[in-house]
Amino acid sequence: MVSLKYLLGFATLASAARKLSIFRGTGQIRTLWNDGNHDDLGCLTDTGLWTSDETLCGVFEAARHNISPSKLTAFTLTSAAGPCQLHGARFTCEPGNEAYEFGTWPWPNSVPGVECLRWGQYGLMASFGRNPPSPADPPQEIHMVSSIEEGKYVWLAWAEL
């Protein structure tokens, strides 16, 4: 028999996937599979860790602006844990971070029709743990793919709250 928590988790994932939008305002950072039907494989916690336990999903603020003179769109991300950035290739949000200016990755290099987070020329993410983590797993670090990780690689997308 399937548990109610299991079914509610899928309902929450489906509802978040329907609200994918541009990085602006208050939202969650969702992890979308880079292949197949681009399944929603979880979210990031306030500290920038990857989880598929919906009760641990963080809430982020995205401040969007244009970078002059090129007029490219950029945005910063902040959570209750602090400003977000990449340390090396690892995504993190914590006190003392300088808010990094992220950009978006244009299709066809990511999920068609969905803004995906970009850092320089990189955007595809994974973990050295299970990809994706199961809801029972503790949240795990997420970093830019180095092509040695096993499992599914993901793009980071925005679900407006």
N, C-alpha and C. Protein backbone atom coordinates (compact mmCIF):
# COMPACT_ATOMS: atom_id res chain seq x y z
N MET A 1 0.85 -1.18 0.00
CA MET A 1 0.00 0.00 0.00
C MET A 1 0.89 1.24 0.00
N VAL A 2 0.52 2.24 -0.78
CA VAL A 2 1.27 3.49 -0.90
C VAL A 2 0.88 4.43 0.24
N SER A 3 1.88 5.01 0.91
CA SER A 3 1.59 5.89 2.04
C SER A 3 1.07 7.24 1.58
N LEU A 4 0.31 7.89 2.46
CA LEU A 4 -0.23 9.22 2.16
C LEU A 4 0.90 10.23 1.98
N LYS A 5 1.96 10.14 2.81
CA LYS A 5 3.10 11.06 2.69
C LYS A 5 3.73 10.94 1.30
N TYR A 6 3.84 9.71 0.80
CA TYR A 6 4.41 9.47 -0.53
C TYR A 6 3.56 10.14 -1.60
N LEU A 7 2.24 9.96 -1.52
CA LEU A 7 1.34 10.57 -2.50
C LEU A 7 1.35 12.09 -2.40
N LEU A 8 1.36 12.63 -1.18
CA LEU A 8 1.39 14.08 -1.01
C LEU A 8 2.69 14.67 -1.54
N GLY A 9 3.78 13.93 -1.40
CA GLY A 9 5.06 14.39 -1.95
C GLY A 9 4.99 14.56 -3.45
N PHE A 10 4.38 13.59 -4.14
CA PHE A 10 4.23 13.71 -5.59
C PHE A 10 3.29 14.84 -5.96
N ALA A 11 2.25 15.06 -5.18
CA ALA A 11 1.33 16.17 -5.46
C ALA A 11 2.07 17.50 -5.33
N THR A 12 2.92 17.61 -4.31
CA THR A 12 3.69 18.85 -4.12
C THR A 12 4.66 19.06 -5.27
N LEU A 13 5.36 17.99 -5.69
CA LEU A 13 6.28 18.11 -6.81
C LEU A 13 5.55 18.54 -8.07
N ALA A 14 4.41 17.93 -8.34
CA ALA A 14 3.66 18.28 -9.55
C ALA A 14 3.20 19.72 -9.49
N SER A 15 2.75 20.16 -8.32
CA SER A 15 2.28 21.54 -8.19
C SER A 15 3.44 22.52 -8.37
N ALA A 16 4.63 22.20 -7.84
CA ALA A 16 5.78 23.09 -8.01
C ALA A 16 6.19 23.14 -9.47
N ALA A 17 6.15 22.00 -10.16
CA ALA A 17 6.55 21.97 -11.56
C ALA A 17 5.63 22.83 -12.42
N ARG A 18 4.37 22.92 -12.06
CA ARG A 18 3.43 23.73 -12.84
C ARG A 18 3.71 25.22 -12.69
N LYS A 19 4.37 25.63 -11.60
CA LYS A 19 4.59 27.05 -11.34
C LYS A 19 6.00 27.51 -11.70
N LEU A 20 6.71 26.75 -12.53
CA LEU A 20 8.06 27.16 -12.91
C LEU A 20 7.98 28.50 -13.62
N SER A 21 8.90 29.40 -13.28
CA SER A 21 8.86 30.74 -13.87
C SER A 21 10.27 31.31 -13.93
N ILE A 22 10.37 32.61 -14.15
CA ILE A 22 11.68 33.26 -14.21
C ILE A 22 12.20 33.52 -12.79
N PHE A 23 13.51 33.61 -12.65
CA PHE A 23 14.13 33.88 -11.35
C PHE A 23 13.82 35.31 -10.94
N ARG A 24 12.78 35.48 -10.11
CA ARG A 24 12.40 36.80 -9.59
C ARG A 24 11.46 36.60 -8.41
N GLY A 25 11.64 37.42 -7.37
CA GLY A 25 10.74 37.37 -6.22
C GLY A 25 11.05 36.22 -5.28
N THR A 26 10.01 35.67 -4.67
CA THR A 26 10.14 34.60 -3.69
C THR A 26 9.83 33.26 -4.35
N GLY A 27 10.67 32.26 -4.09
CA GLY A 27 10.43 30.96 -4.70
C GLY A 27 11.31 29.87 -4.14
N GLN A 28 11.18 28.71 -4.76
CA GLN A 28 12.01 27.55 -4.46
C GLN A 28 12.93 27.31 -5.64
N ILE A 29 14.08 26.70 -5.37
CA ILE A 29 14.96 26.25 -6.44
C ILE A 29 14.70 24.77 -6.63
N ARG A 30 14.18 24.41 -7.81
CA ARG A 30 13.82 23.04 -8.14
C ARG A 30 14.94 22.39 -8.96
N THR A 31 15.09 21.08 -8.84
CA THR A 31 16.10 20.34 -9.59
C THR A 31 15.40 19.54 -10.68
N LEU A 32 15.66 19.89 -11.94
CA LEU A 32 15.00 19.24 -13.08
C LEU A 32 16.00 18.37 -13.83
N TRP A 33 15.63 17.11 -14.05
CA TRP A 33 16.47 16.16 -14.75
C TRP A 33 16.84 16.70 -16.12
N ASN A 34 18.08 16.52 -16.52
CA ASN A 34 18.53 17.08 -17.80
C ASN A 34 18.20 16.20 -18.99
N ASP A 35 17.44 15.15 -18.81
CA ASP A 35 17.15 14.22 -19.89
C ASP A 35 15.68 13.81 -19.83
N GLY A 36 15.27 12.99 -20.76
CA GLY A 36 13.90 12.47 -20.74
C GLY A 36 12.87 13.57 -20.73
N ASN A 37 11.93 13.46 -19.78
CA ASN A 37 10.85 14.45 -19.69
C ASN A 37 11.16 15.56 -18.69
N HIS A 38 12.41 15.68 -18.27
CA HIS A 38 12.85 16.73 -17.34
C HIS A 38 12.09 16.66 -16.02
N ASP A 39 11.98 15.44 -15.46
CA ASP A 39 11.31 15.25 -14.17
C ASP A 39 11.84 16.21 -13.12
N ASP A 40 10.94 16.63 -12.22
CA ASP A 40 11.31 17.42 -11.05
C ASP A 40 11.84 16.42 -10.02
N LEU A 41 13.12 16.51 -9.67
CA LEU A 41 13.77 15.54 -8.79
C LEU A 41 14.04 16.09 -7.40
N GLY A 42 13.38 17.18 -7.02
CA GLY A 42 13.55 17.71 -5.68
C GLY A 42 13.79 19.20 -5.68
N CYS A 43 14.49 19.66 -4.64
CA CYS A 43 14.69 21.10 -4.45
C CYS A 43 15.98 21.32 -3.67
N LEU A 44 16.31 22.58 -3.45
CA LEU A 44 17.44 22.92 -2.60
C LEU A 44 16.94 23.43 -1.26
N THR A 45 17.67 23.11 -0.20
CA THR A 45 17.36 23.61 1.14
C THR A 45 17.83 25.06 1.25
N ASP A 46 17.53 25.72 2.37
CA ASP A 46 17.98 27.10 2.60
C ASP A 46 19.50 27.24 2.49
N THR A 47 20.23 26.17 2.81
CA THR A 47 21.70 26.23 2.76
C THR A 47 22.26 25.81 1.40
N GLY A 48 21.37 25.44 0.47
CA GLY A 48 21.81 25.07 -0.87
C GLY A 48 22.11 23.60 -1.05
N LEU A 49 21.58 22.75 -0.18
CA LEU A 49 21.76 21.31 -0.33
C LEU A 49 20.59 20.71 -1.10
N TRP A 50 20.83 19.61 -1.81
CA TRP A 50 19.82 18.95 -2.63
C TRP A 50 19.05 17.95 -1.79
N THR A 51 17.73 18.01 -1.85
CA THR A 51 16.87 17.07 -1.14
C THR A 51 15.65 16.74 -1.99
N SER A 52 15.05 15.58 -1.72
CA SER A 52 13.76 15.28 -2.34
C SER A 52 12.69 15.18 -1.25
N ASP A 53 13.05 15.57 -0.02
CA ASP A 53 12.08 15.69 1.07
C ASP A 53 11.48 17.09 0.99
N GLU A 54 10.26 17.18 0.52
CA GLU A 54 9.61 18.48 0.28
C GLU A 54 9.50 19.34 1.53
N THR A 55 9.51 18.72 2.72
CA THR A 55 9.42 19.51 3.96
C THR A 55 10.70 20.29 4.22
N LEU A 56 11.79 19.96 3.52
CA LEU A 56 13.07 20.63 3.72
C LEU A 56 13.40 21.67 2.65
N CYS A 57 12.50 21.86 1.68
CA CYS A 57 12.76 22.82 0.61
C CYS A 57 12.92 24.23 1.17
N GLY A 58 13.94 24.92 0.72
CA GLY A 58 14.20 26.28 1.17
C GLY A 58 13.35 27.29 0.43
N VAL A 59 13.30 28.49 0.99
CA VAL A 59 12.62 29.62 0.35
C VAL A 59 13.71 30.64 0.03
N PHE A 60 13.72 31.11 -1.20
CA PHE A 60 14.76 32.00 -1.69
C PHE A 60 14.15 33.29 -2.22
N GLU A 61 14.95 34.34 -2.21
CA GLU A 61 14.59 35.61 -2.85
C GLU A 61 15.54 35.79 -4.03
N ALA A 62 14.97 36.05 -5.19
CA ALA A 62 15.77 36.31 -6.39
C ALA A 62 15.60 37.78 -6.78
N ALA A 63 16.68 38.53 -6.77
CA ALA A 63 16.66 39.94 -7.17
C ALA A 63 17.24 40.02 -8.57
N ARG A 64 16.40 40.37 -9.52
CA ARG A 64 16.75 40.36 -10.95
C ARG A 64 17.13 41.77 -11.40
N HIS A 65 18.15 41.85 -12.28
CA HIS A 65 18.56 43.14 -12.83
C HIS A 65 19.31 42.91 -14.15
N ASN A 66 19.53 43.96 -14.88
CA ASN A 66 20.29 43.89 -16.13
C ASN A 66 21.72 44.33 -15.87
N ILE A 67 22.64 43.67 -16.54
CA ILE A 67 24.05 44.05 -16.45
C ILE A 67 24.34 44.97 -17.62
N SER A 68 24.69 46.21 -17.34
CA SER A 68 25.00 47.17 -18.42
C SER A 68 26.43 46.97 -18.86
N PRO A 69 26.81 47.28 -20.06
CA PRO A 69 25.98 47.78 -21.16
C PRO A 69 25.37 46.66 -22.00
N SER A 70 25.67 45.39 -21.67
CA SER A 70 25.21 44.29 -22.52
C SER A 70 23.73 43.98 -22.39
N LYS A 71 23.11 44.47 -21.31
CA LYS A 71 21.69 44.23 -21.03
C LYS A 71 21.37 42.76 -20.79
N LEU A 72 22.38 41.96 -20.44
CA LEU A 72 22.13 40.58 -20.08
C LEU A 72 21.42 40.54 -18.73
N THR A 73 20.51 39.61 -18.56
CA THR A 73 19.80 39.49 -17.30
C THR A 73 20.64 38.71 -16.31
N ALA A 74 20.69 39.20 -15.09
CA ALA A 74 21.39 38.53 -14.00
C ALA A 74 20.51 38.61 -12.76
N PHE A 75 20.82 37.79 -11.77
CA PHE A 75 20.06 37.83 -10.53
C PHE A 75 20.93 37.32 -9.39
N THR A 76 20.60 37.76 -8.19
CA THR A 76 21.24 37.25 -6.99
C THR A 76 20.21 36.43 -6.23
N LEU A 77 20.68 35.49 -5.44
CA LEU A 77 19.81 34.62 -4.64
C LEU A 77 20.20 34.73 -3.18
N THR A 78 19.19 34.81 -2.31
CA THR A 78 19.39 34.86 -0.87
C THR A 78 18.35 33.97 -0.21
N SER A 79 18.73 33.30 0.87
CA SER A 79 17.79 32.50 1.66
C SER A 79 17.94 32.90 3.12
N ALA A 80 17.17 32.26 3.99
CA ALA A 80 17.29 32.54 5.42
C ALA A 80 18.70 32.22 5.93
N ALA A 81 19.41 31.33 5.24
CA ALA A 81 20.77 30.96 5.64
C ALA A 81 21.81 31.99 5.21
N GLY A 82 21.46 32.84 4.24
CA GLY A 82 22.40 33.87 3.78
C GLY A 82 22.43 33.96 2.27
N PRO A 83 23.30 34.84 1.74
CA PRO A 83 23.44 34.98 0.28
C PRO A 83 23.98 33.69 -0.34
N CYS A 84 23.63 33.46 -1.61
CA CYS A 84 24.03 32.23 -2.31
C CYS A 84 25.14 32.53 -3.31
N GLN A 85 26.04 31.57 -3.45
CA GLN A 85 27.12 31.66 -4.43
C GLN A 85 27.67 30.27 -4.69
N LEU A 86 28.66 30.21 -5.53
CA LEU A 86 29.38 28.96 -5.78
C LEU A 86 30.76 29.08 -5.16
N HIS A 87 31.10 28.12 -4.29
CA HIS A 87 32.45 28.02 -3.73
C HIS A 87 33.13 26.92 -4.51
N GLY A 88 34.10 27.27 -5.34
CA GLY A 88 34.64 26.28 -6.27
C GLY A 88 33.53 25.97 -7.26
N ALA A 89 33.01 24.79 -7.21
CA ALA A 89 31.88 24.42 -8.07
C ALA A 89 30.65 24.07 -7.25
N ARG A 90 30.73 24.22 -5.91
CA ARG A 90 29.65 23.82 -5.00
C ARG A 90 28.71 24.98 -4.72
N PHE A 91 27.40 24.73 -4.88
CA PHE A 91 26.38 25.73 -4.59
C PHE A 91 26.19 25.82 -3.08
N THR A 92 26.17 27.03 -2.53
CA THR A 92 26.01 27.20 -1.09
C THR A 92 25.35 28.54 -0.77
N CYS A 93 24.59 28.55 0.31
CA CYS A 93 23.99 29.78 0.84
C CYS A 93 24.35 29.82 2.32
N GLU A 94 25.06 30.86 2.74
CA GLU A 94 25.48 30.94 4.14
C GLU A 94 25.90 32.36 4.49
N PRO A 95 25.92 32.67 5.80
CA PRO A 95 26.36 33.99 6.23
C PRO A 95 27.80 34.24 5.75
N GLY A 96 28.07 35.47 5.39
CA GLY A 96 29.42 35.81 4.95
C GLY A 96 29.64 35.65 3.45
N ASN A 97 28.73 34.94 2.78
CA ASN A 97 28.84 34.84 1.32
C ASN A 97 28.59 36.20 0.69
N GLU A 98 29.29 36.48 -0.38
CA GLU A 98 28.95 37.63 -1.21
C GLU A 98 27.93 37.13 -2.21
N ALA A 99 26.83 37.86 -2.38
CA ALA A 99 25.79 37.41 -3.32
C ALA A 99 26.35 37.39 -4.73
N TYR A 100 26.35 36.21 -5.35
CA TYR A 100 26.88 36.04 -6.69
C TYR A 100 25.83 36.41 -7.73
N GLU A 101 26.24 37.00 -8.83
CA GLU A 101 25.32 37.31 -9.92
C GLU A 101 25.25 36.11 -10.86
N PHE A 102 24.15 35.37 -10.75
CA PHE A 102 23.89 34.24 -11.63
C PHE A 102 23.20 34.73 -12.89
N GLY A 103 23.21 33.91 -13.91
CA GLY A 103 22.47 34.19 -15.14
C GLY A 103 21.59 33.00 -15.46
N THR A 104 20.97 33.01 -16.63
CA THR A 104 20.13 31.89 -17.04
C THR A 104 20.71 31.23 -18.28
N TRP A 105 20.45 29.94 -18.40
CA TRP A 105 20.97 29.15 -19.49
C TRP A 105 19.90 29.04 -20.57
N PRO A 106 20.19 29.48 -21.78
CA PRO A 106 19.16 29.44 -22.83
C PRO A 106 18.96 28.04 -23.40
N TRP A 107 17.74 27.75 -23.77
CA TRP A 107 17.45 26.51 -24.47
C TRP A 107 18.18 26.58 -25.79
N PRO A 108 18.72 25.57 -26.42
CA PRO A 108 18.44 24.15 -26.20
C PRO A 108 19.40 23.48 -25.24
N ASN A 109 20.19 24.23 -24.50
CA ASN A 109 21.19 23.63 -23.62
C ASN A 109 20.65 23.18 -22.27
N SER A 110 19.38 23.42 -22.00
CA SER A 110 18.82 23.03 -20.71
C SER A 110 17.42 22.48 -20.92
N VAL A 111 16.45 22.97 -20.16
CA VAL A 111 15.07 22.50 -20.25
C VAL A 111 14.30 23.45 -21.16
N PRO A 112 13.74 22.96 -22.26
CA PRO A 112 13.03 23.84 -23.19
C PRO A 112 11.94 24.66 -22.50
N GLY A 113 11.98 25.98 -22.71
CA GLY A 113 10.96 26.87 -22.19
C GLY A 113 11.07 27.20 -20.72
N VAL A 114 12.14 26.77 -20.05
CA VAL A 114 12.30 27.00 -18.61
C VAL A 114 13.64 27.69 -18.36
N GLU A 115 13.63 28.78 -17.58
CA GLU A 115 14.89 29.41 -17.19
C GLU A 115 15.64 28.49 -16.24
N CYS A 116 16.91 28.24 -16.55
CA CYS A 116 17.76 27.42 -15.69
C CYS A 116 18.99 28.22 -15.28
N LEU A 117 19.39 28.07 -14.02
CA LEU A 117 20.51 28.81 -13.46
C LEU A 117 21.80 28.52 -14.22
N ARG A 118 22.56 29.56 -14.45
CA ARG A 118 23.85 29.45 -15.13
C ARG A 118 24.90 30.20 -14.32
N TRP A 119 26.10 29.68 -14.31
CA TRP A 119 27.26 30.33 -13.71
C TRP A 119 28.36 30.29 -14.75
N GLY A 120 28.65 31.43 -15.36
CA GLY A 120 29.61 31.45 -16.47
C GLY A 120 29.07 30.60 -17.59
N GLN A 121 29.85 29.61 -18.02
CA GLN A 121 29.38 28.72 -19.08
C GLN A 121 28.86 27.40 -18.52
N TYR A 122 28.66 27.32 -17.22
CA TYR A 122 28.26 26.07 -16.58
C TYR A 122 26.87 26.19 -15.96
N GLY A 123 26.18 25.07 -15.84
CA GLY A 123 24.87 25.08 -15.21
C GLY A 123 24.38 23.71 -14.80
N LEU A 124 24.87 22.65 -15.42
CA LEU A 124 24.42 21.30 -15.10
C LEU A 124 25.00 20.89 -13.76
N MET A 125 24.15 20.36 -12.86
CA MET A 125 24.55 20.07 -11.49
C MET A 125 24.38 18.59 -11.16
N ALA A 126 25.10 18.13 -10.12
CA ALA A 126 24.99 16.76 -9.62
C ALA A 126 25.56 16.74 -8.21
N SER A 127 25.56 15.54 -7.61
CA SER A 127 26.13 15.34 -6.29
C SER A 127 27.02 14.11 -6.34
N PHE A 128 27.91 13.97 -5.38
CA PHE A 128 28.71 12.75 -5.29
C PHE A 128 27.94 11.66 -4.55
N GLY A 129 26.75 12.00 -4.02
CA GLY A 129 25.90 11.02 -3.36
C GLY A 129 24.97 10.38 -4.37
N ARG A 130 23.78 10.03 -3.92
CA ARG A 130 22.78 9.45 -4.80
C ARG A 130 22.15 10.56 -5.63
N ASN A 131 22.03 10.35 -6.92
CA ASN A 131 21.45 11.34 -7.83
C ASN A 131 20.20 10.79 -8.49
N PRO A 132 19.02 11.14 -8.07
CA PRO A 132 18.70 12.10 -7.02
C PRO A 132 18.68 11.43 -5.65
N PRO A 133 18.75 12.24 -4.58
CA PRO A 133 18.61 11.65 -3.24
C PRO A 133 17.19 11.16 -3.04
N SER A 134 17.02 10.12 -2.23
CA SER A 134 15.67 9.67 -1.89
C SER A 134 15.15 10.56 -0.76
N PRO A 135 13.83 10.60 -0.53
CA PRO A 135 13.31 11.43 0.57
C PRO A 135 13.88 11.04 1.93
N ALA A 136 14.33 9.79 2.08
CA ALA A 136 14.89 9.35 3.36
C ALA A 136 16.35 9.77 3.54
N ASP A 137 17.03 10.12 2.46
CA ASP A 137 18.43 10.53 2.53
C ASP A 137 18.55 11.92 3.14
N PRO A 138 19.63 12.19 3.87
CA PRO A 138 19.86 13.57 4.31
C PRO A 138 20.17 14.44 3.09
N PRO A 139 19.92 15.75 3.18
CA PRO A 139 20.27 16.64 2.07
C PRO A 139 21.76 16.51 1.74
N GLN A 140 22.10 16.63 0.47
CA GLN A 140 23.49 16.48 0.06
C GLN A 140 23.96 17.67 -0.76
N GLU A 141 25.27 17.91 -0.73
CA GLU A 141 25.83 19.03 -1.48
C GLU A 141 25.54 18.83 -2.96
N ILE A 142 25.49 19.94 -3.68
CA ILE A 142 25.28 19.90 -5.13
C ILE A 142 26.32 20.82 -5.76
N HIS A 143 26.84 20.38 -6.88
CA HIS A 143 27.93 21.12 -7.52
C HIS A 143 27.81 21.01 -9.04
N MET A 144 28.61 21.80 -9.74
CA MET A 144 28.67 21.70 -11.19
C MET A 144 29.21 20.33 -11.56
N VAL A 145 28.62 19.73 -12.57
CA VAL A 145 28.97 18.38 -13.00
C VAL A 145 30.44 18.30 -13.43
N SER A 146 31.09 17.23 -13.00
CA SER A 146 32.46 16.96 -13.45
C SER A 146 32.51 15.71 -14.33
N SER A 147 31.36 15.12 -14.60
CA SER A 147 31.19 13.93 -15.45
C SER A 147 31.67 12.64 -14.82
N ILE A 148 31.98 12.65 -13.53
CA ILE A 148 32.31 11.39 -12.86
C ILE A 148 31.19 10.96 -11.91
N GLU A 149 30.19 11.81 -11.72
CA GLU A 149 29.08 11.50 -10.83
C GLU A 149 28.17 10.47 -11.50
N GLU A 150 27.57 9.60 -10.68
CA GLU A 150 26.64 8.60 -11.19
C GLU A 150 25.22 9.07 -10.97
N GLY A 151 24.31 8.62 -11.81
CA GLY A 151 22.90 8.96 -11.65
C GLY A 151 22.49 10.11 -12.55
N LYS A 152 21.44 10.79 -12.16
CA LYS A 152 20.85 11.84 -12.98
C LYS A 152 21.46 13.20 -12.68
N TYR A 153 21.76 13.93 -13.73
CA TYR A 153 22.23 15.31 -13.61
C TYR A 153 21.03 16.23 -13.70
N VAL A 154 21.13 17.41 -13.07
CA VAL A 154 19.97 18.30 -13.01
C VAL A 154 20.33 19.74 -13.35
N TRP A 155 19.31 20.46 -13.80
CA TRP A 155 19.35 21.91 -13.96
C TRP A 155 18.61 22.51 -12.79
N LEU A 156 19.00 23.69 -12.35
CA LEU A 156 18.30 24.39 -11.27
C LEU A 156 17.31 25.37 -11.89
N ALA A 157 16.04 25.23 -11.52
CA ALA A 157 14.98 26.07 -12.06
C ALA A 157 14.24 26.74 -10.91
N TRP A 158 13.41 27.72 -11.21
CA TRP A 158 12.72 28.54 -10.23
C TRP A 158 11.23 28.22 -10.20
N ALA A 159 10.71 27.95 -9.02
CA ALA A 159 9.27 27.77 -8.83
C ALA A 159 8.80 28.91 -7.93
N GLU A 160 8.05 29.82 -8.50
CA GLU A 160 7.55 30.98 -7.76
C GLU A 160 6.60 30.54 -6.67
N LEU A 161 6.70 31.18 -5.50
CA LEU A 161 5.78 30.87 -4.39
C LEU A 161 4.77 31.98 -4.25
